[in-house]
Amino acid sequence: MKILAVCGTDLEFVSKMVQALVEELTYCRYQVAWWRQEVGKDLPNQGVLEHTLLEVHNGYSQIYLPGQLTLEDSMPYLAHDFVIVEGEQGSAPQLICAANESDLKNLWTPLALAGVVTRHEFEENHHGQPVFAISQIKDLVKFLINAVPERLPFLVPNPCCGACGRSDCKSMMADIVAGKAELKDCAILNAKVEIKIGDQELVLVEFVQDFIKKTVTGMLSALDGYRENSSIEIKIK
C-alpha cells in the first residue's frame, strides 16, 4: 500500500488536488481511498460532528468512522493500492500544494516528494524534486505512481522501533525521499520472523523477532530433520 499526504495552507486547493489525484489514479485502474477527518459536519442520520471519512473509489462508496481516528487506526479498513490523505500524517511522503514559489519554499518539508502550484510561472524543480502546475495532473500522477514508496510499518501514534538507527520513521521516510535510504533498510520490513493471526500480520520489532527466532530454533534443534539456517514454518489452528 502506498500512502501520499497532500499538504498546504489553502484547504480548498488541497481538497481539489486530492480529488483530482483520486480520479486520475482510479482512471489508471488503481484501487484508491481518500482519507480525511471532518469536524463540524453531521455524520448522516447520526448527528456526529467529528468523524473520519473514507471515500473508496474502486466502485465508489463512503465509509463514515465516528470519531477522529488516526490513519494507523484506520488501517484495518484499508486494503488499497493508494491512500490519498488530506494533510500531514505521520511518516507519509507529501505532495506540497502552494499558490506560488514563495509559498512552496515556506511549506517545503523533508518528506516532500513533489510540489504543485496554481500559477503557470514556476520552476520545474525545488530541492531536486519536481514541481508541477495544477493543469499537469496526468504528468503528476505518472510521477507519483513510481515515486511514492510503500508505507513504513509505523504511523503516528505508534513509536518507531529504532532498529534502523533513526529516532523515528519520519527520518527514515525523509531519507528514502532524498535517495539516502531504501525500504529494505527498514528492519521491520526486512523481517527475519513473520507471524500472522488469521489474515492479520503482526508488526514485530527486531528484539521480538530475535527472541522468537532463538526460542523456536532452540526447541527444534534437537529434533531429527532440523537443518540450521533453513526456513521454518509453523501453523497453529
Protein backbone atom coordinates (compact mmCIF):
# COMPACT_ATOMS: atom_id res chain seq x y z
CA MET A 1 0.00 0.00 0.00
CA LYS A 2 1.23 3.48 -0.93
CA ILE A 3 0.22 6.50 1.15
CA LEU A 4 0.52 10.11 -0.02
CA ALA A 5 -0.28 13.13 2.15
CA VAL A 6 -1.42 16.23 0.25
CA CYS A 7 -0.44 19.31 2.27
CA GLY A 8 -0.90 23.08 2.07
CA THR A 9 -2.42 26.07 3.82
CA ASP A 10 -5.19 26.60 1.25
CA LEU A 11 -7.57 23.81 2.30
CA GLU A 12 -9.82 24.31 -0.74
CA PHE A 13 -6.82 23.87 -3.06
CA VAL A 14 -5.66 20.80 -1.13
CA SER A 15 -9.12 19.19 -1.34
CA LYS A 16 -9.35 19.99 -5.06
CA MET A 17 -5.92 18.44 -5.62
CA VAL A 18 -6.80 15.29 -3.67
CA GLN A 19 -9.96 14.83 -5.72
CA ALA A 20 -8.01 15.25 -8.98
CA LEU A 21 -5.39 12.70 -7.87
CA VAL A 22 -8.01 10.19 -6.75
CA GLU A 23 -9.92 10.49 -10.02
CA GLU A 24 -6.80 10.16 -12.19
CA LEU A 25 -5.39 7.20 -10.22
CA THR A 26 -8.78 5.49 -10.41
CA TYR A 27 -8.84 6.11 -14.17
CA CYS A 28 -5.44 4.38 -14.29
CA ARG A 29 -7.14 1.35 -12.67
CA TYR A 30 -5.64 1.67 -9.19
CA GLN A 31 -7.75 0.98 -6.11
CA VAL A 32 -7.79 4.29 -4.26
CA ALA A 33 -9.09 5.50 -0.91
CA TRP A 34 -9.45 9.18 0.05
CA TRP A 35 -8.87 9.60 3.81
CA ARG A 36 -9.81 12.72 5.73
CA GLN A 37 -11.08 13.89 9.09
CA GLU A 38 -14.09 16.18 9.27
CA VAL A 39 -15.12 18.46 12.12
CA GLY A 40 -18.41 20.36 12.32
CA LYS A 41 -20.19 18.25 9.68
CA ASP A 42 -23.02 15.96 10.67
CA LEU A 43 -22.48 12.27 10.09
CA PRO A 44 -25.57 11.22 8.10
CA ASN A 45 -28.52 10.16 10.30
CA GLN A 46 -26.42 10.18 13.49
CA GLY A 47 -25.67 13.82 14.30
CA VAL A 48 -21.98 13.13 14.99
CA LEU A 49 -19.92 16.27 14.40
CA GLU A 50 -16.45 14.67 14.34
CA HIS A 51 -15.70 11.71 12.13
CA THR A 52 -13.16 10.17 9.80
CA LEU A 53 -14.33 9.74 6.22
CA LEU A 54 -13.07 7.16 3.75
CA GLU A 55 -14.10 7.53 0.14
CA VAL A 56 -13.30 4.34 -1.72
CA HIS A 57 -13.07 4.93 -5.44
CA ASN A 58 -12.93 1.45 -6.97
CA GLY A 59 -16.69 1.28 -7.33
CA TYR A 60 -17.19 4.39 -5.14
CA SER A 61 -18.51 4.16 -1.62
CA GLN A 62 -18.25 6.26 1.54
CA ILE A 63 -17.38 4.88 4.96
CA TYR A 64 -18.03 7.10 7.99
CA LEU A 65 -15.94 6.20 11.04
CA PRO A 66 -17.22 8.02 14.18
CA GLY A 67 -14.53 10.00 15.99
CA GLN A 68 -11.17 11.37 14.96
CA LEU A 69 -9.36 8.12 14.11
CA THR A 70 -5.69 8.26 13.27
CA LEU A 71 -4.55 6.93 9.93
CA GLU A 72 -2.96 3.99 11.76
CA ASP A 73 -6.29 3.19 13.45
CA SER A 74 -7.97 3.30 10.03
CA MET A 75 -5.63 0.69 8.53
CA PRO A 76 -7.99 -2.29 9.19
CA TYR A 77 -10.49 -0.64 6.81
CA LEU A 78 -7.91 -0.09 4.05
CA ALA A 79 -6.59 -2.58 1.51
CA HIS A 80 -5.91 -0.33 -1.47
CA ASP A 81 -3.10 0.42 -3.89
CA PHE A 82 -3.10 4.10 -2.90
CA VAL A 83 -4.43 6.03 0.10
CA ILE A 84 -4.55 9.78 -0.52
CA VAL A 85 -4.63 11.76 2.72
CA GLU A 86 -5.66 15.37 3.28
CA GLY A 87 -2.98 17.00 5.43
CA GLU A 88 0.25 15.86 7.04
CA GLN A 89 0.07 12.38 8.53
CA GLY A 90 2.90 10.60 10.32
CA SER A 91 5.67 9.26 8.13
CA ALA A 92 3.70 9.54 4.88
CA PRO A 93 5.52 11.25 1.97
CA GLN A 94 3.98 14.55 0.93
CA LEU A 95 2.78 16.49 -2.09
CA ILE A 96 3.05 20.22 -1.30
CA CYS A 97 0.30 22.49 -2.69
CA ALA A 98 1.14 26.20 -2.95
CA ALA A 99 -0.06 29.32 -4.72
CA ASN A 100 3.42 30.27 -5.90
CA GLU A 101 7.13 29.53 -5.48
CA SER A 102 7.46 31.66 -2.36
CA ASP A 103 4.70 29.70 -0.59
CA LEU A 104 6.23 26.46 -1.85
CA LYS A 105 9.55 27.29 -0.18
CA ASN A 106 7.80 28.09 3.11
CA LEU A 107 5.76 24.88 3.08
CA TRP A 108 8.50 22.51 1.90
CA THR A 109 9.48 19.68 4.28
CA PRO A 110 12.00 16.78 4.15
CA LEU A 111 9.07 14.45 3.36
CA ALA A 112 8.11 16.37 0.19
CA LEU A 113 8.21 14.24 -2.97
CA ALA A 114 6.94 16.99 -5.26
CA GLY A 115 5.16 20.33 -5.37
CA VAL A 116 2.16 21.63 -7.28
CA VAL A 117 1.37 25.33 -7.83
CA THR A 118 -1.68 27.18 -9.15
CA ARG A 119 0.22 29.63 -11.34
CA HIS A 120 1.86 28.70 -14.63
CA GLU A 121 5.08 30.63 -13.95
CA PHE A 122 7.17 28.27 -11.83
CA GLU A 123 10.49 26.49 -11.73
CA GLU A 124 10.41 22.83 -12.70
CA ASN A 125 12.07 21.60 -9.51
CA HIS A 126 12.66 22.53 -5.89
CA HIS A 127 15.37 20.95 -3.73
CA GLY A 128 15.89 18.48 -6.56
CA GLN A 129 12.22 17.39 -6.54
CA PRO A 130 9.79 18.15 -9.40
CA VAL A 131 7.22 20.93 -9.34
CA PHE A 132 4.04 20.72 -11.43
CA ALA A 133 1.33 23.15 -12.46
CA ILE A 134 -2.18 22.19 -11.40
CA SER A 135 -3.03 21.62 -15.06
CA GLN A 136 -0.37 18.87 -15.31
CA ILE A 137 -2.34 16.29 -13.34
CA LYS A 138 -1.59 13.42 -15.74
CA ASP A 139 2.17 14.08 -15.62
CA LEU A 140 2.00 14.45 -11.83
CA VAL A 141 0.21 11.12 -11.41
CA LYS A 142 2.67 9.34 -13.71
CA PHE A 143 5.47 10.64 -11.49
CA LEU A 144 3.74 9.70 -8.23
CA ILE A 145 2.95 6.14 -9.35
CA ASN A 146 6.68 5.41 -9.40
CA ALA A 147 7.89 7.88 -6.78
CA VAL A 148 5.62 7.13 -3.81
CA PRO A 149 7.20 4.29 -1.80
CA GLU A 150 5.31 1.58 0.04
CA ARG A 151 4.22 2.59 3.54
CA LEU A 152 6.51 2.17 6.51
CA PRO A 153 5.08 -0.02 9.30
CA PHE A 154 4.74 2.70 11.94
CA LEU A 155 2.43 5.67 11.57
CA VAL A 156 1.57 8.16 14.33
CA PRO A 157 0.87 7.43 17.20
CA ASN A 158 2.85 4.16 17.22
CA PRO A 159 6.50 4.52 18.30
CA CYS A 160 9.40 3.81 15.96
CA CYS A 161 11.28 0.60 16.82
CA GLY A 162 14.63 2.38 16.33
CA ALA A 163 16.31 -0.69 14.82
CA CYS A 164 17.38 1.33 11.76
CA GLY A 165 19.32 3.73 13.99
CA ARG A 166 16.96 6.66 13.41
CA SER A 167 14.88 8.40 16.03
CA ASP A 168 11.58 8.00 14.16
CA CYS A 169 10.01 6.69 10.94
CA LYS A 170 9.71 10.24 9.58
CA SER A 171 13.50 10.39 9.43
CA MET A 172 13.63 7.08 7.56
CA MET A 173 11.00 8.24 5.05
CA ALA A 174 12.80 11.58 4.60
CA ASP A 175 15.99 9.67 3.76
CA ILE A 176 14.06 7.45 1.31
CA VAL A 177 12.58 10.54 -0.38
CA ALA A 178 16.08 12.08 -0.60
CA GLY A 179 17.56 8.87 -2.02
CA LYS A 180 19.74 8.29 1.07
CA ALA A 181 17.93 5.09 2.11
CA GLU A 182 15.72 2.32 0.70
CA LEU A 183 12.70 0.48 2.06
CA LYS A 184 14.85 -2.60 2.58
CA ASP A 185 16.78 -0.61 5.22
CA CYS A 186 13.70 -0.84 7.47
CA ALA A 187 14.31 -3.65 9.96
CA ILE A 188 10.59 -4.41 10.25
CA LEU A 189 10.01 -4.71 6.50
CA ASN A 190 13.15 -6.84 6.24
CA ALA A 191 11.85 -9.12 8.98
CA LYS A 192 13.55 -12.38 9.95
CA VAL A 193 10.32 -13.60 11.58
CA GLU A 194 6.79 -13.21 10.21
CA ILE A 195 3.66 -14.09 12.20
CA LYS A 196 0.05 -13.97 11.02
CA ILE A 197 -3.04 -14.43 13.16
CA GLY A 198 -5.82 -15.13 10.69
CA ASP A 199 -5.16 -12.73 7.83
CA GLN A 200 -3.58 -10.06 10.05
CA GLU A 201 0.22 -9.90 10.02
CA LEU A 202 1.75 -8.77 13.31
CA VAL A 203 4.34 -5.99 13.37
CA LEU A 204 7.37 -7.26 15.29
CA VAL A 205 10.29 -5.10 16.39
CA GLU A 206 13.77 -6.54 15.93
CA PHE A 207 14.17 -7.56 19.60
CA VAL A 208 10.95 -9.63 19.48
CA GLN A 209 11.97 -11.19 16.15
CA ASP A 210 15.31 -12.28 17.58
CA PHE A 211 13.66 -13.62 20.76
CA ILE A 212 11.13 -15.72 18.80
CA LYS A 213 13.77 -16.98 16.37
CA LYS A 214 16.17 -18.10 19.11
CA THR A 215 13.38 -19.68 21.17
CA VAL A 216 11.89 -21.67 18.27
CA THR A 217 15.20 -22.76 16.75
CA GLY A 218 16.45 -23.72 20.21
CA MET A 219 13.46 -26.03 20.78
CA LEU A 220 13.57 -27.56 17.29
CA SER A 221 17.33 -28.05 17.07
CA ALA A 222 17.15 -31.36 19.00
CA LEU A 223 14.65 -32.89 16.55
CA ASP A 224 15.57 -35.16 13.64
CA GLY A 225 15.28 -33.30 10.36
CA TYR A 226 16.34 -29.93 11.79
CA ARG A 227 18.66 -28.07 9.44
CA GLU A 228 20.49 -24.94 10.61
CA ASN A 229 19.66 -21.71 8.74
CA SER A 230 16.71 -23.37 6.98
CA SER A 231 13.34 -21.64 6.73
CA ILE A 232 10.86 -22.81 9.42
CA GLU A 233 7.07 -22.63 9.03
CA ILE A 234 4.71 -23.37 11.94
CA LYS A 235 0.91 -23.36 11.71
CA ILE A 236 -1.34 -23.47 14.78
CA LYS A 237 -5.09 -24.00 14.42
